[in-house]
All heavy atoms as atom14 arrays in JSON, in Angstrom:
{
  "sequence": "DGSAGTKGNVLDAVAANGLDADMIFACGPMPMLRAVKRYAQEK",
  "atom14_mask": [
    [1, 1, 1, 1, 1, 1, 1, 1, 0, 0, 0, 0, 0, 0],
    [1, 1, 1, 1, 0, 0, 0, 0, 0, 0, 0, 0, 0, 0],
    [1, 1, 1, 1, 1, 1, 0, 0, 0, 0, 0, 0, 0, 0],
    [1, 1, 1, 1, 1, 0, 0, 0, 0, 0, 0, 0, 0, 0],
    [1, 1, 1, 1, 0, 0, 0, 0, 0, 0, 0, 0, 0, 0],
    [1, 1, 1, 1, 1, 1, 1, 0, 0, 0, 0, 0, 0, 0],
    [1, 1, 1, 1, 1, 1, 1, 1, 1, 0, 0, 0, 0, 0],
    [1, 1, 1, 1, 0, 0, 0, 0, 0, 0, 0, 0, 0, 0],
    [1, 1, 1, 1, 1, 1, 1, 1, 0, 0, 0, 0, 0, 0],
    [1, 1, 1, 1, 1, 1, 1, 0, 0, 0, 0, 0, 0, 0],
    [1, 1, 1, 1, 1, 1, 1, 1, 0, 0, 0, 0, 0, 0],
    [1, 1, 1, 1, 1, 1, 1, 1, 0, 0, 0, 0, 0, 0],
    [1, 1, 1, 1, 1, 0, 0, 0, 0, 0, 0, 0, 0, 0],
    [1, 1, 1, 1, 1, 1, 1, 0, 0, 0, 0, 0, 0, 0],
    [1, 1, 1, 1, 1, 0, 0, 0, 0, 0, 0, 0, 0, 0],
    [1, 1, 1, 1, 1, 0, 0, 0, 0, 0, 0, 0, 0, 0],
    [1, 1, 1, 1, 1, 1, 1, 1, 0, 0, 0, 0, 0, 0],
    [1, 1, 1, 1, 0, 0, 0, 0, 0, 0, 0, 0, 0, 0],
    [1, 1, 1, 1, 1, 1, 1, 1, 0, 0, 0, 0, 0, 0],
    [1, 1, 1, 1, 1, 1, 1, 1, 0, 0, 0, 0, 0, 0],
    [1, 1, 1, 1, 1, 0, 0, 0, 0, 0, 0, 0, 0, 0],
    [1, 1, 1, 1, 1, 1, 1, 1, 0, 0, 0, 0, 0, 0],
    [1, 1, 1, 1, 1, 1, 1, 1, 0, 0, 0, 0, 0, 0],
    [1, 1, 1, 1, 1, 1, 1, 1, 0, 0, 0, 0, 0, 0],
    [1, 1, 1, 1, 1, 1, 1, 1, 1, 1, 1, 0, 0, 0],
    [1, 1, 1, 1, 1, 0, 0, 0, 0, 0, 0, 0, 0, 0],
    [1, 1, 1, 1, 1, 1, 0, 0, 0, 0, 0, 0, 0, 0],
    [1, 1, 1, 1, 0, 0, 0, 0, 0, 0, 0, 0, 0, 0],
    [1, 1, 1, 1, 1, 1, 1, 0, 0, 0, 0, 0, 0, 0],
    [1, 1, 1, 1, 1, 1, 1, 1, 0, 0, 0, 0, 0, 0],
    [1, 1, 1, 1, 1, 1, 1, 0, 0, 0, 0, 0, 0, 0],
    [1, 1, 1, 1, 1, 1, 1, 1, 0, 0, 0, 0, 0, 0],
    [1, 1, 1, 1, 1, 1, 1, 1, 0, 0, 0, 0, 0, 0],
    [1, 1, 1, 1, 1, 1, 1, 1, 1, 1, 1, 0, 0, 0],
    [1, 1, 1, 1, 1, 0, 0, 0, 0, 0, 0, 0, 0, 0],
    [1, 1, 1, 1, 1, 1, 1, 0, 0, 0, 0, 0, 0, 0],
    [1, 1, 1, 1, 1, 1, 1, 1, 1, 0, 0, 0, 0, 0],
    [1, 1, 1, 1, 1, 1, 1, 1, 1, 1, 1, 0, 0, 0],
    [1, 1, 1, 1, 1, 1, 1, 1, 1, 1, 1, 1, 0, 0],
    [1, 1, 1, 1, 1, 0, 0, 0, 0, 0, 0, 0, 0, 0],
    [1, 1, 1, 1, 1, 1, 1, 1, 1, 0, 0, 0, 0, 0],
    [1, 1, 1, 1, 1, 1, 1, 1, 1, 0, 0, 0, 0, 0],
    [1, 1, 1, 1, 1, 1, 1, 1, 1, 0, 0, 0, 0, 0]
  ],
  "atom14_positions": [
    [[140.54, 114.22, 36.19], [141.41, 113.72, 35.23], [140.73, 112.95, 34.14], [141.26, 112.39, 33.2], [142.48, 112.81, 35.9], [141.92, 111.57, 36.59], [140.7, 111.44, 36.61], [142.7, 110.84, 37.14], [0.0, 0.0, 0.0], [0.0, 0.0, 0.0], [0.0, 0.0, 0.0], [0.0, 0.0, 0.0], [0.0, 0.0, 0.0], [0.0, 0.0, 0.0]],
    [[139.37, 112.82, 34.21], [138.6, 112.13, 33.17], [138.66, 110.58, 33.29], [138.22, 109.93, 32.31], [0.0, 0.0, 0.0], [0.0, 0.0, 0.0], [0.0, 0.0, 0.0], [0.0, 0.0, 0.0], [0.0, 0.0, 0.0], [0.0, 0.0, 0.0], [0.0, 0.0, 0.0], [0.0, 0.0, 0.0], [0.0, 0.0, 0.0], [0.0, 0.0, 0.0]],
    [[139.21, 110.09, 34.39], [139.32, 108.65, 34.51], [137.97, 107.92, 34.84], [137.9, 106.66, 34.71], [140.34, 108.31, 35.63], [139.97, 108.88, 36.8], [0.0, 0.0, 0.0], [0.0, 0.0, 0.0], [0.0, 0.0, 0.0], [0.0, 0.0, 0.0], [0.0, 0.0, 0.0], [0.0, 0.0, 0.0], [0.0, 0.0, 0.0], [0.0, 0.0, 0.0]],
    [[136.96, 108.66, 35.15], [135.61, 108.11, 35.36], [134.56, 109.22, 35.06], [134.81, 110.36, 35.44], [135.43, 107.64, 36.81], [0.0, 0.0, 0.0], [0.0, 0.0, 0.0], [0.0, 0.0, 0.0], [0.0, 0.0, 0.0], [0.0, 0.0, 0.0], [0.0, 0.0, 0.0], [0.0, 0.0, 0.0], [0.0, 0.0, 0.0], [0.0, 0.0, 0.0]],
    [[133.52, 108.86, 34.42], [132.5, 109.81, 34.09], [132.94, 110.92, 33.21], [133.91, 110.77, 32.29], [0.0, 0.0, 0.0], [0.0, 0.0, 0.0], [0.0, 0.0, 0.0], [0.0, 0.0, 0.0], [0.0, 0.0, 0.0], [0.0, 0.0, 0.0], [0.0, 0.0, 0.0], [0.0, 0.0, 0.0], [0.0, 0.0, 0.0], [0.0, 0.0, 0.0]],
    [[132.4, 112.1, 33.36], [132.77, 113.28, 32.56], [134.04, 113.85, 33.07], [134.3, 113.98, 34.3], [131.68, 114.36, 32.71], [130.44, 113.8, 32.22], [132.0, 115.61, 31.82], [0.0, 0.0, 0.0], [0.0, 0.0, 0.0], [0.0, 0.0, 0.0], [0.0, 0.0, 0.0], [0.0, 0.0, 0.0], [0.0, 0.0, 0.0], [0.0, 0.0, 0.0]],
    [[134.99, 114.29, 32.15], [136.17, 114.97, 32.52], [135.8, 116.43, 32.97], [135.18, 117.14, 32.19], [137.21, 114.92, 31.43], [138.54, 115.64, 31.86], [139.58, 115.53, 30.79], [140.87, 116.21, 31.3], [141.97, 116.05, 30.27], [0.0, 0.0, 0.0], [0.0, 0.0, 0.0], [0.0, 0.0, 0.0], [0.0, 0.0, 0.0], [0.0, 0.0, 0.0]],
    [[136.17, 116.84, 34.2], [135.92, 118.18, 34.65], [135.2, 118.19, 35.95], [135.42, 117.3, 36.83], [0.0, 0.0, 0.0], [0.0, 0.0, 0.0], [0.0, 0.0, 0.0], [0.0, 0.0, 0.0], [0.0, 0.0, 0.0], [0.0, 0.0, 0.0], [0.0, 0.0, 0.0], [0.0, 0.0, 0.0], [0.0, 0.0, 0.0], [0.0, 0.0, 0.0]],
    [[134.28, 119.15, 36.15], [133.61, 119.27, 37.43], [132.12, 118.98, 37.29], [131.62, 118.5, 36.23], [133.8, 120.68, 37.95], [133.36, 121.75, 36.96], [132.34, 121.57, 36.26], [134.05, 122.88, 36.91], [0.0, 0.0, 0.0], [0.0, 0.0, 0.0], [0.0, 0.0, 0.0], [0.0, 0.0, 0.0], [0.0, 0.0, 0.0], [0.0, 0.0, 0.0]],
    [[131.38, 119.18, 38.33], [129.92, 118.82, 38.32], [129.14, 119.56, 37.27], [128.26, 119.0, 36.6], [129.25, 119.1, 39.74], [129.85, 118.08, 40.77], [129.43, 120.47, 40.19], [0.0, 0.0, 0.0], [0.0, 0.0, 0.0], [0.0, 0.0, 0.0], [0.0, 0.0, 0.0], [0.0, 0.0, 0.0], [0.0, 0.0, 0.0], [0.0, 0.0, 0.0]],
    [[129.49, 120.83, 37.0], [128.78, 121.57, 35.92], [129.18, 121.08, 34.54], [128.3, 121.1, 33.62], [129.03, 123.08, 36.06], [128.38, 123.71, 37.32], [128.74, 125.19, 37.48], [126.89, 123.47, 37.34], [0.0, 0.0, 0.0], [0.0, 0.0, 0.0], [0.0, 0.0, 0.0], [0.0, 0.0, 0.0], [0.0, 0.0, 0.0], [0.0, 0.0, 0.0]],
    [[130.35, 120.55, 34.4], [130.72, 119.93, 33.1], [129.9, 118.71, 32.89], [129.52, 118.4, 31.74], [132.18, 119.56, 33.1], [133.11, 120.83, 33.1], [132.8, 121.72, 32.45], [134.17, 120.8, 33.82], [0.0, 0.0, 0.0], [0.0, 0.0, 0.0], [0.0, 0.0, 0.0], [0.0, 0.0, 0.0], [0.0, 0.0, 0.0], [0.0, 0.0, 0.0]],
    [[129.64, 117.93, 33.98], [128.78, 116.74, 33.84], [127.34, 117.1, 33.53], [126.69, 116.37, 32.75], [128.86, 115.94, 35.22], [0.0, 0.0, 0.0], [0.0, 0.0, 0.0], [0.0, 0.0, 0.0], [0.0, 0.0, 0.0], [0.0, 0.0, 0.0], [0.0, 0.0, 0.0], [0.0, 0.0, 0.0], [0.0, 0.0, 0.0], [0.0, 0.0, 0.0]],
    [[126.87, 118.18, 34.08], [125.5, 118.66, 33.71], [125.4, 118.96, 32.22], [124.54, 118.57, 31.52], [125.15, 119.93, 34.56], [123.86, 120.58, 33.97], [124.9, 119.51, 36.02], [0.0, 0.0, 0.0], [0.0, 0.0, 0.0], [0.0, 0.0, 0.0], [0.0, 0.0, 0.0], [0.0, 0.0, 0.0], [0.0, 0.0, 0.0], [0.0, 0.0, 0.0]],
    [[126.41, 119.69, 31.75], [126.46, 120.05, 30.29], [126.57, 118.83, 29.39], [125.9, 118.73, 28.41], [127.53, 121.04, 30.03], [0.0, 0.0, 0.0], [0.0, 0.0, 0.0], [0.0, 0.0, 0.0], [0.0, 0.0, 0.0], [0.0, 0.0, 0.0], [0.0, 0.0, 0.0], [0.0, 0.0, 0.0], [0.0, 0.0, 0.0], [0.0, 0.0, 0.0]],
    [[127.51, 117.94, 29.73], [127.83, 116.76, 28.96], [126.65, 115.84, 28.83], [126.47, 115.15, 27.78], [129.04, 116.06, 29.45], [0.0, 0.0, 0.0], [0.0, 0.0, 0.0], [0.0, 0.0, 0.0], [0.0, 0.0, 0.0], [0.0, 0.0, 0.0], [0.0, 0.0, 0.0], [0.0, 0.0, 0.0], [0.0, 0.0, 0.0], [0.0, 0.0, 0.0]],
    [[125.79, 115.84, 29.86], [124.71, 114.86, 29.89], [123.36, 115.55, 29.5], [122.31, 114.87, 29.58], [124.49, 114.17, 31.28], [125.64, 113.25, 31.53], [125.62, 112.09, 30.95], [126.68, 113.63, 32.26], [0.0, 0.0, 0.0], [0.0, 0.0, 0.0], [0.0, 0.0, 0.0], [0.0, 0.0, 0.0], [0.0, 0.0, 0.0], [0.0, 0.0, 0.0]],
    [[123.4, 116.86, 29.17], [122.19, 117.6, 28.75], [121.18, 117.6, 29.84], [119.94, 117.47, 29.59], [0.0, 0.0, 0.0], [0.0, 0.0, 0.0], [0.0, 0.0, 0.0], [0.0, 0.0, 0.0], [0.0, 0.0, 0.0], [0.0, 0.0, 0.0], [0.0, 0.0, 0.0], [0.0, 0.0, 0.0], [0.0, 0.0, 0.0], [0.0, 0.0, 0.0]],
    [[121.58, 117.86, 31.11], [120.68, 117.81, 32.29], [120.07, 119.17, 32.54], [120.69, 120.23, 32.21], [121.4, 117.32, 33.52], [122.12, 116.0, 33.39], [122.83, 115.62, 34.69], [121.18, 114.87, 33.02], [0.0, 0.0, 0.0], [0.0, 0.0, 0.0], [0.0, 0.0, 0.0], [0.0, 0.0, 0.0], [0.0, 0.0, 0.0], [0.0, 0.0, 0.0]],
    [[118.93, 119.16, 33.2], [118.24, 120.41, 33.64], [117.5, 120.14, 34.92], [117.25, 118.96, 35.26], [117.36, 121.0, 32.62], [116.2, 120.09, 32.31], [115.19, 120.17, 33.04], [116.3, 119.27, 31.38], [0.0, 0.0, 0.0], [0.0, 0.0, 0.0], [0.0, 0.0, 0.0], [0.0, 0.0, 0.0], [0.0, 0.0, 0.0], [0.0, 0.0, 0.0]],
    [[117.21, 121.12, 35.75], [116.55, 120.95, 36.98], [115.8, 122.21, 37.41], [116.03, 123.25, 36.8], [117.53, 120.54, 38.08], [0.0, 0.0, 0.0], [0.0, 0.0, 0.0], [0.0, 0.0, 0.0], [0.0, 0.0, 0.0], [0.0, 0.0, 0.0], [0.0, 0.0, 0.0], [0.0, 0.0, 0.0], [0.0, 0.0, 0.0], [0.0, 0.0, 0.0]],
    [[114.88, 122.02, 38.39], [114.14, 123.16, 38.89], [114.75, 123.74, 40.18], [114.41, 124.81, 40.62], [112.71, 122.69, 39.27], [111.99, 122.05, 38.09], [112.0, 122.66, 37.02], [111.43, 120.96, 38.34], [0.0, 0.0, 0.0], [0.0, 0.0, 0.0], [0.0, 0.0, 0.0], [0.0, 0.0, 0.0], [0.0, 0.0, 0.0], [0.0, 0.0, 0.0]],
    [[115.71, 123.0, 40.77], [116.27, 123.33, 41.96], [117.59, 122.64, 42.28], [117.83, 121.6, 41.69], [115.31, 122.99, 43.15], [115.77, 123.27, 44.55], [114.54, 122.85, 45.78], [113.36, 124.13, 45.45], [0.0, 0.0, 0.0], [0.0, 0.0, 0.0], [0.0, 0.0, 0.0], [0.0, 0.0, 0.0], [0.0, 0.0, 0.0], [0.0, 0.0, 0.0]],
    [[118.47, 123.25, 43.05], [119.81, 122.64, 43.29], [120.02, 122.63, 44.79], [119.7, 123.49, 45.55], [120.93, 123.54, 42.66], [120.78, 123.58, 41.21], [122.29, 122.88, 43.05], [121.73, 124.57, 40.5], [0.0, 0.0, 0.0], [0.0, 0.0, 0.0], [0.0, 0.0, 0.0], [0.0, 0.0, 0.0], [0.0, 0.0, 0.0], [0.0, 0.0, 0.0]],
    [[120.54, 121.43, 45.25], [121.12, 121.31, 46.52], [122.57, 120.93, 46.37], [122.94, 120.05, 45.59], [120.44, 120.15, 47.31], [118.98, 120.45, 47.64], [118.02, 119.44, 47.18], [118.57, 121.47, 48.32], [116.67, 119.63, 47.47], [117.21, 121.67, 48.61], [116.26, 120.77, 48.14], [0.0, 0.0, 0.0], [0.0, 0.0, 0.0], [0.0, 0.0, 0.0]],
    [[123.5, 121.64, 47.07], [124.92, 121.44, 46.77], [125.78, 121.53, 47.99], [125.43, 122.28, 49.01], [125.4, 122.43, 45.78], [0.0, 0.0, 0.0], [0.0, 0.0, 0.0], [0.0, 0.0, 0.0], [0.0, 0.0, 0.0], [0.0, 0.0, 0.0], [0.0, 0.0, 0.0], [0.0, 0.0, 0.0], [0.0, 0.0, 0.0], [0.0, 0.0, 0.0]],
    [[126.87, 120.75, 48.05], [127.84, 120.85, 49.1], [129.19, 120.55, 48.51], [129.33, 119.54, 47.7], [127.57, 119.84, 50.22], [128.71, 119.93, 51.61], [0.0, 0.0, 0.0], [0.0, 0.0, 0.0], [0.0, 0.0, 0.0], [0.0, 0.0, 0.0], [0.0, 0.0, 0.0], [0.0, 0.0, 0.0], [0.0, 0.0, 0.0], [0.0, 0.0, 0.0]],
    [[130.22, 121.27, 48.81], [131.53, 121.08, 48.2], [132.42, 122.24, 48.51], [132.14, 123.2, 49.26], [0.0, 0.0, 0.0], [0.0, 0.0, 0.0], [0.0, 0.0, 0.0], [0.0, 0.0, 0.0], [0.0, 0.0, 0.0], [0.0, 0.0, 0.0], [0.0, 0.0, 0.0], [0.0, 0.0, 0.0], [0.0, 0.0, 0.0], [0.0, 0.0, 0.0]],
    [[133.61, 122.25, 47.83], [134.6, 123.32, 48.06], [134.0, 124.62, 47.58], [133.16, 124.69, 46.69], [135.82, 122.88, 47.31], [135.33, 121.85, 46.32], [134.13, 121.17, 46.99], [0.0, 0.0, 0.0], [0.0, 0.0, 0.0], [0.0, 0.0, 0.0], [0.0, 0.0, 0.0], [0.0, 0.0, 0.0], [0.0, 0.0, 0.0], [0.0, 0.0, 0.0]],
    [[134.54, 125.72, 48.04], [134.07, 127.04, 47.75], [134.08, 127.38, 46.22], [133.1, 127.91, 45.74], [134.77, 128.09, 48.51], [134.17, 129.5, 48.47], [132.4, 129.48, 49.15], [132.78, 129.45, 50.91], [0.0, 0.0, 0.0], [0.0, 0.0, 0.0], [0.0, 0.0, 0.0], [0.0, 0.0, 0.0], [0.0, 0.0, 0.0], [0.0, 0.0, 0.0]],
    [[135.14, 127.02, 45.48], [135.08, 127.39, 44.05], [133.93, 126.65, 43.32], [133.25, 127.26, 42.48], [136.43, 126.81, 43.53], [137.34, 126.86, 44.69], [136.46, 126.53, 45.89], [0.0, 0.0, 0.0], [0.0, 0.0, 0.0], [0.0, 0.0, 0.0], [0.0, 0.0, 0.0], [0.0, 0.0, 0.0], [0.0, 0.0, 0.0], [0.0, 0.0, 0.0]],
    [[133.58, 125.47, 43.73], [132.43, 124.73, 43.2], [131.1, 125.46, 43.55], [130.2, 125.7, 42.69], [132.41, 123.32, 43.7], [131.13, 122.52, 43.3], [130.9, 121.0, 44.23], [129.17, 121.02, 44.54], [0.0, 0.0, 0.0], [0.0, 0.0, 0.0], [0.0, 0.0, 0.0], [0.0, 0.0, 0.0], [0.0, 0.0, 0.0], [0.0, 0.0, 0.0]],
    [[130.97, 125.89, 44.78], [129.73, 126.5, 45.26], [129.52, 127.88, 44.55], [128.45, 128.24, 44.25], [129.77, 126.69, 46.76], [129.77, 125.34, 47.52], [129.74, 125.65, 49.04], [128.52, 124.47, 47.2], [0.0, 0.0, 0.0], [0.0, 0.0, 0.0], [0.0, 0.0, 0.0], [0.0, 0.0, 0.0], [0.0, 0.0, 0.0], [0.0, 0.0, 0.0]],
    [[130.64, 128.63, 44.33], [130.52, 129.85, 43.58], [130.03, 129.62, 42.15], [129.18, 130.34, 41.62], [131.86, 130.54, 43.56], [132.32, 131.07, 44.91], [133.59, 132.01, 44.73], [134.11, 132.41, 46.0], [135.21, 132.01, 46.6], [135.97, 131.13, 45.96], [135.59, 132.47, 47.8], [0.0, 0.0, 0.0], [0.0, 0.0, 0.0], [0.0, 0.0, 0.0]],
    [[130.54, 128.54, 41.54], [130.1, 128.2, 40.2], [128.65, 127.77, 40.21], [127.91, 128.15, 39.28], [130.98, 127.09, 39.61], [0.0, 0.0, 0.0], [0.0, 0.0, 0.0], [0.0, 0.0, 0.0], [0.0, 0.0, 0.0], [0.0, 0.0, 0.0], [0.0, 0.0, 0.0], [0.0, 0.0, 0.0], [0.0, 0.0, 0.0], [0.0, 0.0, 0.0]],
    [[128.25, 127.0, 41.18], [126.9, 126.59, 41.29], [125.93, 127.82, 41.49], [124.83, 127.91, 40.85], [126.67, 125.61, 42.42], [125.2, 125.38, 42.76], [127.35, 124.27, 42.13], [0.0, 0.0, 0.0], [0.0, 0.0, 0.0], [0.0, 0.0, 0.0], [0.0, 0.0, 0.0], [0.0, 0.0, 0.0], [0.0, 0.0, 0.0], [0.0, 0.0, 0.0]],
    [[126.36, 128.73, 42.29], [125.55, 129.94, 42.46], [125.39, 130.71, 41.19], [124.27, 131.14, 40.82], [126.21, 130.83, 43.53], [125.46, 132.16, 43.77], [126.13, 133.01, 44.92], [125.26, 134.31, 45.08], [125.87, 135.1, 46.2], [0.0, 0.0, 0.0], [0.0, 0.0, 0.0], [0.0, 0.0, 0.0], [0.0, 0.0, 0.0], [0.0, 0.0, 0.0]],
    [[126.48, 130.85, 40.44], [126.39, 131.58, 39.1], [125.43, 130.82, 38.11], [124.63, 131.47, 37.5], [127.8, 131.72, 38.52], [128.63, 132.73, 39.21], [129.9, 133.07, 38.31], [130.69, 131.9, 38.04], [131.74, 131.5, 38.89], [132.01, 132.24, 39.97], [132.45, 130.45, 38.6], [0.0, 0.0, 0.0], [0.0, 0.0, 0.0], [0.0, 0.0, 0.0]],
    [[125.62, 129.5, 38.17], [124.7, 128.62, 37.28], [123.23, 128.87, 37.64], [122.4, 129.06, 36.78], [125.14, 127.24, 37.39], [124.24, 126.25, 36.59], [124.49, 125.98, 35.25], [123.21, 125.66, 37.3], [123.72, 125.09, 34.58], [122.35, 124.73, 36.55], [122.62, 124.43, 35.21], [121.82, 123.59, 34.52], [0.0, 0.0, 0.0], [0.0, 0.0, 0.0]],
    [[122.94, 128.81, 38.9], [121.56, 129.0, 39.42], [121.01, 130.33, 39.02], [119.81, 130.47, 38.68], [121.51, 128.77, 40.9], [0.0, 0.0, 0.0], [0.0, 0.0, 0.0], [0.0, 0.0, 0.0], [0.0, 0.0, 0.0], [0.0, 0.0, 0.0], [0.0, 0.0, 0.0], [0.0, 0.0, 0.0], [0.0, 0.0, 0.0], [0.0, 0.0, 0.0]],
    [[121.81, 131.35, 39.11], [121.39, 132.68, 38.73], [121.06, 132.8, 37.23], [120.15, 133.37, 36.84], [122.41, 133.74, 39.15], [122.55, 133.93, 40.69], [123.71, 134.83, 41.05], [124.72, 134.87, 40.4], [123.48, 135.56, 42.21], [0.0, 0.0, 0.0], [0.0, 0.0, 0.0], [0.0, 0.0, 0.0], [0.0, 0.0, 0.0], [0.0, 0.0, 0.0]],
    [[121.99, 132.18, 36.43], [121.79, 132.17, 34.97], [120.46, 131.44, 34.59], [119.8, 131.83, 33.72], [122.95, 131.52, 34.32], [124.25, 132.36, 34.39], [125.43, 131.54, 33.99], [125.36, 130.34, 33.52], [126.6, 132.05, 34.1], [0.0, 0.0, 0.0], [0.0, 0.0, 0.0], [0.0, 0.0, 0.0], [0.0, 0.0, 0.0], [0.0, 0.0, 0.0]],
    [[120.26, 130.34, 35.32], [119.04, 129.54, 35.01], [117.76, 130.04, 35.78], [116.71, 129.51, 35.51], [119.27, 128.1, 35.34], [120.44, 127.42, 34.63], [120.16, 127.38, 33.12], [121.28, 126.68, 32.32], [121.0, 126.6, 30.86], [0.0, 0.0, 0.0], [0.0, 0.0, 0.0], [0.0, 0.0, 0.0], [0.0, 0.0, 0.0], [0.0, 0.0, 0.0]]
  ]
}
């Protein structure tokens, strides 16, 4: 709901803060993990 930090999900926070990484460790609901997998493949 945007009441703290970036409004949206973890990948929205990555984009909003201009972050990058060499590797990802993740745990969460399946829709989030699917999105993380796609992001890792793109990067």
